[in-house]
Amino acid sequence: MDDAPAVTVKERVEKAISRVRPYIQSDGGDISLVAVHEDTGIVEVSLHGACGSCPSSLVTLKGGVERAVRAEAPEIKEVVTV
């Protein structure tokens, strides 16, 4: 019997974001987790620095961040910026 505590959705989302953060930082930006809404499957993040005003930030968000988050936490439907 395994008595290890289950990993929460928020913890899995944080893990995914920590994996993509170095790539975002290498372009002069950063990302922070704002909220995980398990009831709707929506994750809110904030993009900072160069990513906050970059025209390609939506591509980064949907193509990189959302894909990584959904791979780690399949119950998440979408990642949005706030």
PDB file of N, CA and C in Angstrom:
ATOM      1  N   MET A   1       0.817  -1.167   0.000  1.00  0.00           N
ATOM      2  CA  MET A   1       0.000   0.000   0.000  1.00  0.00           C
ATOM      3  C   MET A   1       0.874   1.249   0.000  1.00  0.00           C
ATOM      4  N   ASP A   2       0.550   2.204  -0.873  1.00  0.00           N
ATOM      5  CA  ASP A   2       1.337   3.428  -0.981  1.00  0.00           C
ATOM      6  C   ASP A   2       0.637   4.542  -0.224  1.00  0.00           C
ATOM      7  N   ASP A   3       1.299   5.074   0.798  1.00  0.00           N
ATOM      8  CA  ASP A   3       0.716   6.135   1.607  1.00  0.00           C
ATOM      9  C   ASP A   3       1.197   7.521   1.187  1.00  0.00           C
ATOM     10  N   ALA A   4       1.877   7.617   0.051  1.00  0.00           N
ATOM     11  CA  ALA A   4       2.359   8.910  -0.419  1.00  0.00           C
ATOM     12  C   ALA A   4       1.163   9.789  -0.783  1.00  0.00           C
ATOM     13  N   PRO A   5       1.222  11.068  -0.420  1.00  0.00           N
ATOM     14  CA  PRO A   5       0.111  11.959  -0.747  1.00  0.00           C
ATOM     15  C   PRO A   5       0.010  12.162  -2.259  1.00  0.00           C
ATOM     16  N   ALA A   6      -1.214  12.288  -2.733  1.00  0.00           N
ATOM     17  CA  ALA A   6      -1.437  12.516  -4.162  1.00  0.00           C
ATOM     18  C   ALA A   6      -0.923  13.900  -4.549  1.00  0.00           C
ATOM     19  N   VAL A   7      -0.385  13.996  -5.732  1.00  0.00           N
ATOM     20  CA  VAL A   7       0.090  15.275  -6.245  1.00  0.00           C
ATOM     21  C   VAL A   7      -1.122  16.041  -6.760  1.00  0.00           C
ATOM     22  N   THR A   8      -1.276  17.272  -6.312  1.00  0.00           N
ATOM     23  CA  THR A   8      -2.436  18.069  -6.704  1.00  0.00           C
ATOM     24  C   THR A   8      -2.290  18.583  -8.134  1.00  0.00           C
ATOM     25  N   VAL A   9      -3.406  19.015  -8.690  1.00  0.00           N
ATOM     26  CA  VAL A   9      -3.395  19.608 -10.025  1.00  0.00           C
ATOM     27  C   VAL A   9      -2.499  20.843 -10.019  1.00  0.00           C
ATOM     28  N   LYS A  10      -2.625  21.668  -8.989  1.00  0.00           N
ATOM     29  CA  LYS A  10      -1.805  22.883  -8.919  1.00  0.00           C
ATOM     30  C   LYS A  10      -0.324  22.549  -8.901  1.00  0.00           C
ATOM     31  N   GLU A  11       0.059  21.520  -8.163  1.00  0.00           N
ATOM     32  CA  GLU A  11       1.462  21.123  -8.117  1.00  0.00           C
ATOM     33  C   GLU A  11       1.951  20.654  -9.480  1.00  0.00           C
ATOM     34  N   ARG A  12       1.104  19.935 -10.203  1.00  0.00           N
ATOM     35  CA  ARG A  12       1.501  19.486 -11.545  1.00  0.00           C
ATOM     36  C   ARG A  12       1.604  20.656 -12.516  1.00  0.00           C
ATOM     37  N   VAL A  13       0.715  21.639 -12.388  1.00  0.00           N
ATOM     38  CA  VAL A  13       0.786  22.841 -13.229  1.00  0.00           C
ATOM     39  C   VAL A  13       2.061  23.614 -12.905  1.00  0.00           C
ATOM     40  N   GLU A  14       2.372  23.766 -11.625  1.00  0.00           N
ATOM     41  CA  GLU A  14       3.609  24.457 -11.230  1.00  0.00           C
ATOM     42  C   GLU A  14       4.842  23.755 -11.780  1.00  0.00           C
ATOM     43  N   LYS A  15       4.814  22.439 -11.782  1.00  0.00           N
ATOM     44  CA  LYS A  15       5.941  21.664 -12.326  1.00  0.00           C
ATOM     45  C   LYS A  15       6.106  21.944 -13.819  1.00  0.00           C
ATOM     46  N   ALA A  16       5.013  21.967 -14.548  1.00  0.00           N
ATOM     47  CA  ALA A  16       5.079  22.234 -15.993  1.00  0.00           C
ATOM     48  C   ALA A  16       5.595  23.645 -16.261  1.00  0.00           C
ATOM     49  N   ILE A  17       5.117  24.600 -15.506  1.00  0.00           N
ATOM     50  CA  ILE A  17       5.570  25.982 -15.696  1.00  0.00           C
ATOM     51  C   ILE A  17       7.047  26.111 -15.358  1.00  0.00           C
ATOM     52  N   SER A  18       7.494  25.422 -14.338  1.00  0.00           N
ATOM     53  CA  SER A  18       8.920  25.493 -13.990  1.00  0.00           C
ATOM     54  C   SER A  18       9.793  24.880 -15.087  1.00  0.00           C
ATOM     55  N   ARG A  19       9.239  23.947 -15.853  1.00  0.00           N
ATOM     56  CA  ARG A  19       9.995  23.350 -16.968  1.00  0.00           C
ATOM     57  C   ARG A  19      10.119  24.317 -18.140  1.00  0.00           C
ATOM     58  N   VAL A  20       9.094  25.137 -18.405  1.00  0.00           N
ATOM     59  CA  VAL A  20       9.155  26.059 -19.549  1.00  0.00           C
ATOM     60  C   VAL A  20       9.744  27.416 -19.176  1.00  0.00           C
ATOM     61  N   ARG A  21       9.782  27.737 -17.879  1.00  0.00           N
ATOM     62  CA  ARG A  21      10.289  29.043 -17.432  1.00  0.00           C
ATOM     63  C   ARG A  21      11.688  29.366 -17.976  1.00  0.00           C
ATOM     64  N   PRO A  22      12.667  28.442 -17.954  1.00  0.00           N
ATOM     65  CA  PRO A  22      13.999  28.795 -18.473  1.00  0.00           C
ATOM     66  C   PRO A  22      13.987  29.235 -19.944  1.00  0.00           C
ATOM     67  N   TYR A  23      13.122  28.651 -20.736  1.00  0.00           N
ATOM     68  CA  TYR A  23      13.035  29.038 -22.151  1.00  0.00           C
ATOM     69  C   TYR A  23      12.484  30.451 -22.283  1.00  0.00           C
ATOM     70  N   ILE A  24      11.478  30.758 -21.481  1.00  0.00           N
ATOM     71  CA  ILE A  24      10.893  32.096 -21.508  1.00  0.00           C
ATOM     72  C   ILE A  24      11.902  33.119 -20.984  1.00  0.00           C
ATOM     73  N   GLN A  25      12.619  32.766 -19.929  1.00  0.00           N
ATOM     74  CA  GLN A  25      13.618  33.671 -19.373  1.00  0.00           C
ATOM     75  C   GLN A  25      14.773  33.907 -20.338  1.00  0.00           C
ATOM     76  N   SER A  26      15.090  32.916 -21.157  1.00  0.00           N
ATOM     77  CA  SER A  26      16.187  33.084 -22.113  1.00  0.00           C
ATOM     78  C   SER A  26      15.864  34.129 -23.174  1.00  0.00           C
ATOM     79  N   ASP A  27      14.580  34.445 -23.326  1.00  0.00           N
ATOM     80  CA  ASP A  27      14.164  35.494 -24.268  1.00  0.00           C
ATOM     81  C   ASP A  27      13.883  36.817 -23.567  1.00  0.00           C
ATOM     82  N   GLY A  28      14.270  36.916 -22.295  1.00  0.00           N
ATOM     83  CA  GLY A  28      14.109  38.168 -21.565  1.00  0.00           C
ATOM     84  C   GLY A  28      12.769  38.328 -20.870  1.00  0.00           C
ATOM     85  N   GLY A  29      12.028  37.257 -20.753  1.00  0.00           N
ATOM     86  CA  GLY A  29      10.726  37.331 -20.096  1.00  0.00           C
ATOM     87  C   GLY A  29      10.657  36.433 -18.881  1.00  0.00           C
ATOM     88  N   ASP A  30       9.467  36.300 -18.356  1.00  0.00           N
ATOM     89  CA  ASP A  30       9.232  35.383 -17.250  1.00  0.00           C
ATOM     90  C   ASP A  30       7.736  35.089 -17.203  1.00  0.00           C
ATOM     91  N   ILE A  31       7.381  34.094 -16.418  1.00  0.00           N
ATOM     92  CA  ILE A  31       5.992  33.675 -16.286  1.00  0.00           C
ATOM     93  C   ILE A  31       5.735  33.349 -14.830  1.00  0.00           C
ATOM     94  N   SER A  32       4.540  33.687 -14.373  1.00  0.00           N
ATOM     95  CA  SER A  32       4.157  33.304 -13.017  1.00  0.00           C
ATOM     96  C   SER A  32       2.732  32.761 -13.037  1.00  0.00           C
ATOM     97  N   LEU A  33       2.518  31.807 -12.179  1.00  0.00           N
ATOM     98  CA  LEU A  33       1.197  31.203 -12.044  1.00  0.00           C
ATOM     99  C   LEU A  33       0.331  32.112 -11.190  1.00  0.00           C
ATOM    100  N   VAL A  34      -0.855  32.438 -11.692  1.00  0.00           N
ATOM    101  CA  VAL A  34      -1.783  33.293 -10.958  1.00  0.00           C
ATOM    102  C   VAL A  34      -2.835  32.438 -10.265  1.00  0.00           C
ATOM    103  N   ALA A  35      -3.462  31.521 -11.015  1.00  0.00           N
ATOM    104  CA  ALA A  35      -4.526  30.702 -10.438  1.00  0.00           C
ATOM    105  C   ALA A  35      -4.748  29.447 -11.255  1.00  0.00           C
ATOM    106  N   VAL A  36      -5.217  28.416 -10.568  1.00  0.00           N
ATOM    107  CA  VAL A  36      -5.639  27.175 -11.206  1.00  0.00           C
ATOM    108  C   VAL A  36      -7.097  26.968 -10.819  1.00  0.00           C
ATOM    109  N   HIS A  37      -7.971  27.004 -11.811  1.00  0.00           N
ATOM    110  CA  HIS A  37      -9.402  26.816 -11.575  1.00  0.00           C
ATOM    111  C   HIS A  37      -9.758  25.389 -11.990  1.00  0.00           C
ATOM    112  N   GLU A  38      -9.703  24.495 -11.036  1.00  0.00           N
ATOM    113  CA  GLU A  38      -9.955  23.080 -11.335  1.00  0.00           C
ATOM    114  C   GLU A  38     -11.377  22.850 -11.817  1.00  0.00           C
ATOM    115  N   ASP A  39     -12.329  23.654 -11.345  1.00  0.00           N
ATOM    116  CA  ASP A  39     -13.723  23.469 -11.731  1.00  0.00           C
ATOM    117  C   ASP A  39     -13.969  23.760 -13.211  1.00  0.00           C
ATOM    118  N   THR A  40     -13.204  24.698 -13.789  1.00  0.00           N
ATOM    119  CA  THR A  40     -13.379  25.033 -15.205  1.00  0.00           C
ATOM    120  C   THR A  40     -12.247  24.507 -16.086  1.00  0.00           C
ATOM    121  N   GLY A  41     -11.156  24.075 -15.470  1.00  0.00           N
ATOM    122  CA  GLY A  41     -10.003  23.604 -16.239  1.00  0.00           C
ATOM    123  C   GLY A  41      -9.175  24.732 -16.821  1.00  0.00           C
ATOM    124  N   ILE A  42      -9.293  25.916 -16.239  1.00  0.00           N
ATOM    125  CA  ILE A  42      -8.569  27.091 -16.730  1.00  0.00           C
ATOM    126  C   ILE A  42      -7.408  27.408 -15.785  1.00  0.00           C
ATOM    127  N   VAL A  43      -6.249  27.675 -16.382  1.00  0.00           N
ATOM    128  CA  VAL A  43      -5.075  28.120 -15.634  1.00  0.00           C
ATOM    129  C   VAL A  43      -4.797  29.551 -16.062  1.00  0.00           C
ATOM    130  N   GLU A  44      -4.602  30.428 -15.092  1.00  0.00           N
ATOM    131  CA  GLU A  44      -4.258  31.821 -15.356  1.00  0.00           C
ATOM    132  C   GLU A  44      -2.787  32.040 -15.048  1.00  0.00           C
ATOM    133  N   VAL A  45      -2.090  32.662 -15.990  1.00  0.00           N
ATOM    134  CA  VAL A  45      -0.684  32.994 -15.803  1.00  0.00           C
ATOM    135  C   VAL A  45      -0.479  34.460 -16.139  1.00  0.00           C
ATOM    136  N   SER A  46       0.641  34.972 -15.691  1.00  0.00           N
ATOM    137  CA  SER A  46       1.032  36.333 -16.028  1.00  0.00           C
ATOM    138  C   SER A  46       2.396  36.267 -16.712  1.00  0.00           C
ATOM    139  N   LEU A  47       2.502  36.925 -17.850  1.00  0.00           N
ATOM    140  CA  LEU A  47       3.771  37.007 -18.568  1.00  0.00           C
ATOM    141  C   LEU A  47       4.419  38.339 -18.240  1.00  0.00           C
ATOM    142  N   HIS A  48       5.715  38.329 -17.966  1.00  0.00           N
ATOM    143  CA  HIS A  48       6.442  39.522 -17.537  1.00  0.00           C
ATOM    144  C   HIS A  48       7.589  39.813 -18.489  1.00  0.00           C
ATOM    145  N   GLY A  49       8.148  40.997 -18.336  1.00  0.00           N
ATOM    146  CA  GLY A  49       9.331  41.376 -19.105  1.00  0.00           C
ATOM    147  C   GLY A  49       9.039  41.420 -20.588  1.00  0.00           C
ATOM    148  N   ALA A  50       9.972  40.923 -21.377  1.00  0.00           N
ATOM    149  CA  ALA A  50       9.840  40.966 -22.825  1.00  0.00           C
ATOM    150  C   ALA A  50       8.600  40.210 -23.300  1.00  0.00           C
ATOM    151  N   CYS A  51       8.183  39.188 -22.571  1.00  0.00           N
ATOM    152  CA  CYS A  51       7.025  38.394 -22.976  1.00  0.00           C
ATOM    153  C   CYS A  51       5.714  39.136 -22.786  1.00  0.00           C
ATOM    154  N   GLY A  52       5.700  40.105 -21.894  1.00  0.00           N
ATOM    155  CA  GLY A  52       4.471  40.846 -21.645  1.00  0.00           C
ATOM    156  C   GLY A  52       4.031  41.687 -22.825  1.00  0.00           C
ATOM    157  N   SER A  53       4.981  42.154 -23.630  1.00  0.00           N
ATOM    158  CA  SER A  53       4.638  43.020 -24.760  1.00  0.00           C
ATOM    159  C   SER A  53       5.000  42.414 -26.110  1.00  0.00           C
ATOM    160  N   CYS A  54       5.491  41.200 -26.119  1.00  0.00           N
ATOM    161  CA  CYS A  54       5.928  40.562 -27.366  1.00  0.00           C
ATOM    162  C   CYS A  54       4.723  40.134 -28.199  1.00  0.00           C
ATOM    163  N   PRO A  55       4.744  40.442 -29.500  1.00  0.00           N
ATOM    164  CA  PRO A  55       3.641  40.021 -30.363  1.00  0.00           C
ATOM    165  C   PRO A  55       3.525  38.496 -30.474  1.00  0.00           C
ATOM    166  N   SER A  56       4.591  37.784 -30.191  1.00  0.00           N
ATOM    167  CA  SER A  56       4.559  36.321 -30.280  1.00  0.00           C
ATOM    168  C   SER A  56       4.175  35.655 -28.962  1.00  0.00           C
ATOM    169  N   SER A  57       3.802  36.442 -27.959  1.00  0.00           N
ATOM    170  CA  SER A  57       3.511  35.867 -26.647  1.00  0.00           C
ATOM    171  C   SER A  57       2.332  34.901 -26.696  1.00  0.00           C
ATOM    172  N   LEU A  58       1.352  35.149 -27.554  1.00  0.00           N
ATOM    173  CA  LEU A  58       0.218  34.223 -27.660  1.00  0.00           C
ATOM    174  C   LEU A  58       0.671  32.876 -28.205  1.00  0.00           C
ATOM    175  N   VAL A  59       1.591  32.896 -29.157  1.00  0.00           N
ATOM    176  CA  VAL A  59       2.135  31.650 -29.692  1.00  0.00           C
ATOM    177  C   VAL A  59       2.912  30.910 -28.611  1.00  0.00           C
ATOM    178  N   THR A  60       3.706  31.646 -27.844  1.00  0.00           N
ATOM    179  CA  THR A  60       4.451  31.046 -26.730  1.00  0.00           C
ATOM    180  C   THR A  60       3.488  30.433 -25.725  1.00  0.00           C
ATOM    181  N   LEU A  61       2.449  31.185 -25.399  1.00  0.00           N
ATOM    182  CA  LEU A  61       1.482  30.724 -24.406  1.00  0.00           C
ATOM    183  C   LEU A  61       0.780  29.461 -24.875  1.00  0.00           C
ATOM    184  N   LYS A  62       0.220  29.485 -26.062  1.00  0.00           N
ATOM    185  CA  LYS A  62      -0.573  28.348 -26.552  1.00  0.00           C
ATOM    186  C   LYS A  62       0.310  27.195 -27.021  1.00  0.00           C
ATOM    187  N   GLY A  63       1.384  27.507 -27.717  1.00  0.00           N
ATOM    188  CA  GLY A  63       2.221  26.453 -28.277  1.00  0.00           C
ATOM    189  C   GLY A  63       3.164  25.815 -27.293  1.00  0.00           C
ATOM    190  N   GLY A  64       3.630  26.577 -26.326  1.00  0.00           N
ATOM    191  CA  GLY A  64       4.609  26.047 -25.389  1.00  0.00           C
ATOM    192  C   GLY A  64       4.046  25.800 -24.012  1.00  0.00           C
ATOM    193  N   VAL A  65       3.551  26.861 -23.388  1.00  0.00           N
ATOM    194  CA  VAL A  65       3.095  26.767 -22.006  1.00  0.00           C
ATOM    195  C   VAL A  65       1.865  25.863 -21.896  1.00  0.00           C
ATOM    196  N   GLU A  66       0.849  26.127 -22.705  1.00  0.00           N
ATOM    197  CA  GLU A  66      -0.373  25.327 -22.611  1.00  0.00           C
ATOM    198  C   GLU A  66      -0.110  23.858 -22.921  1.00  0.00           C
ATOM    199  N   ARG A  67       0.696  23.597 -23.899  1.00  0.00           N
ATOM    200  CA  ARG A  67       1.015  22.202 -24.240  1.00  0.00           C
ATOM    201  C   ARG A  67       1.720  21.498 -23.080  1.00  0.00           C
ATOM    202  N   ALA A  68       2.680  22.181 -22.456  1.00  0.00           N
ATOM    203  CA  ALA A  68       3.403  21.590 -21.321  1.00  0.00           C
ATOM    204  C   ALA A  68       2.473  21.357 -20.132  1.00  0.00           C
ATOM    205  N   VAL A  69       1.608  22.320 -19.857  1.00  0.00           N
ATOM    206  CA  VAL A  69       0.675  22.192 -18.736  1.00  0.00           C
ATOM    207  C   VAL A  69      -0.296  21.048 -18.977  1.00  0.00           C
ATOM    208  N   ARG A  70      -0.849  20.970 -20.177  1.00  0.00           N
ATOM    209  CA  ARG A  70      -1.824  19.912 -20.476  1.00  0.00           C
ATOM    210  C   ARG A  70      -1.178  18.533 -20.501  1.00  0.00           C
ATOM    211  N   ALA A  71       0.092  18.454 -20.830  1.00  0.00           N
ATOM    212  CA  ALA A  71       0.794  17.164 -20.794  1.00  0.00           C
ATOM    213  C   ALA A  71       0.957  16.690 -19.360  1.00  0.00           C
ATOM    214  N   GLU A  72       1.180  17.624 -18.456  1.00  0.00           N
ATOM    215  CA  GLU A  72       1.378  17.298 -17.043  1.00  0.00           C
ATOM    216  C   GLU A  72       0.047  17.140 -16.309  1.00  0.00           C
ATOM    217  N   ALA A  73      -0.953  17.926 -16.724  1.00  0.00           N
ATOM    218  CA  ALA A  73      -2.270  17.911 -16.071  1.00  0.00           C
ATOM    219  C   ALA A  73      -3.347  17.892 -17.161  1.00  0.00           C
ATOM    220  N   PRO A  74      -3.677  16.718 -17.687  1.00  0.00           N
ATOM    221  CA  PRO A  74      -4.617  16.613 -18.815  1.00  0.00           C
ATOM    222  C   PRO A  74      -6.008  17.179 -18.549  1.00  0.00           C
ATOM    223  N   GLU A  75      -6.365  17.321 -17.291  1.00  0.00           N
ATOM    224  CA  GLU A  75      -7.680  17.874 -16.987  1.00  0.00           C
ATOM    225  C   GLU A  75      -7.768  19.380 -17.243  1.00  0.00           C
ATOM    226  N   ILE A  76      -6.634  20.028 -17.471  1.00  0.00           N
ATOM    227  CA  ILE A  76      -6.619  21.447 -17.795  1.00  0.00           C
ATOM    228  C   ILE A  76      -7.007  21.619 -19.256  1.00  0.00           C
ATOM    229  N   LYS A  77      -7.951  22.539 -19.479  1.00  0.00           N
ATOM    230  CA  LYS A  77      -8.466  22.775 -20.825  1.00  0.00           C
ATOM    231  C   LYS A  77      -7.773  23.929 -21.544  1.00  0.00           C
ATOM    232  N   GLU A  78      -7.362  24.941 -20.763  1.00  0.00           N
ATOM    233  CA  GLU A  78      -6.809  26.141 -21.389  1.00  0.00           C
ATOM    234  C   GLU A  78      -5.929  26.899 -20.407  1.00  0.00           C
ATOM    235  N   VAL A  79      -4.922  27.577 -20.972  1.00  0.00           N
ATOM    236  CA  VAL A  79      -4.064  28.479 -20.211  1.00  0.00           C
ATOM    237  C   VAL A  79      -4.275  29.878 -20.795  1.00  0.00           C
ATOM    238  N   VAL A  80      -4.586  30.831 -19.924  1.00  0.00           N
ATOM    239  CA  VAL A  80      -4.836  32.197 -20.371  1.00  0.00           C
ATOM    240  C   VAL A  80      -3.949  33.169 -19.597  1.00  0.00           C
ATOM    241  N   THR A  81      -3.705  34.335 -20.185  1.00  0.00           N
ATOM    242  CA  THR A  81      -2.940  35.373 -19.490  1.00  0.00           C
ATOM    243  C   THR A  81      -3.897  36.348 -18.827  1.00  0.00           C
ATOM    244  N   VAL A  82      -3.459  36.868 -17.710  1.00  0.00           N
ATOM    245  CA  VAL A  82      -4.266  37.872 -16.994  1.00  0.00           C
ATOM    246  C   VAL A  82      -3.417  39.091 -16.713  1.00  0.00           C
TER     247      VAL A  82
END
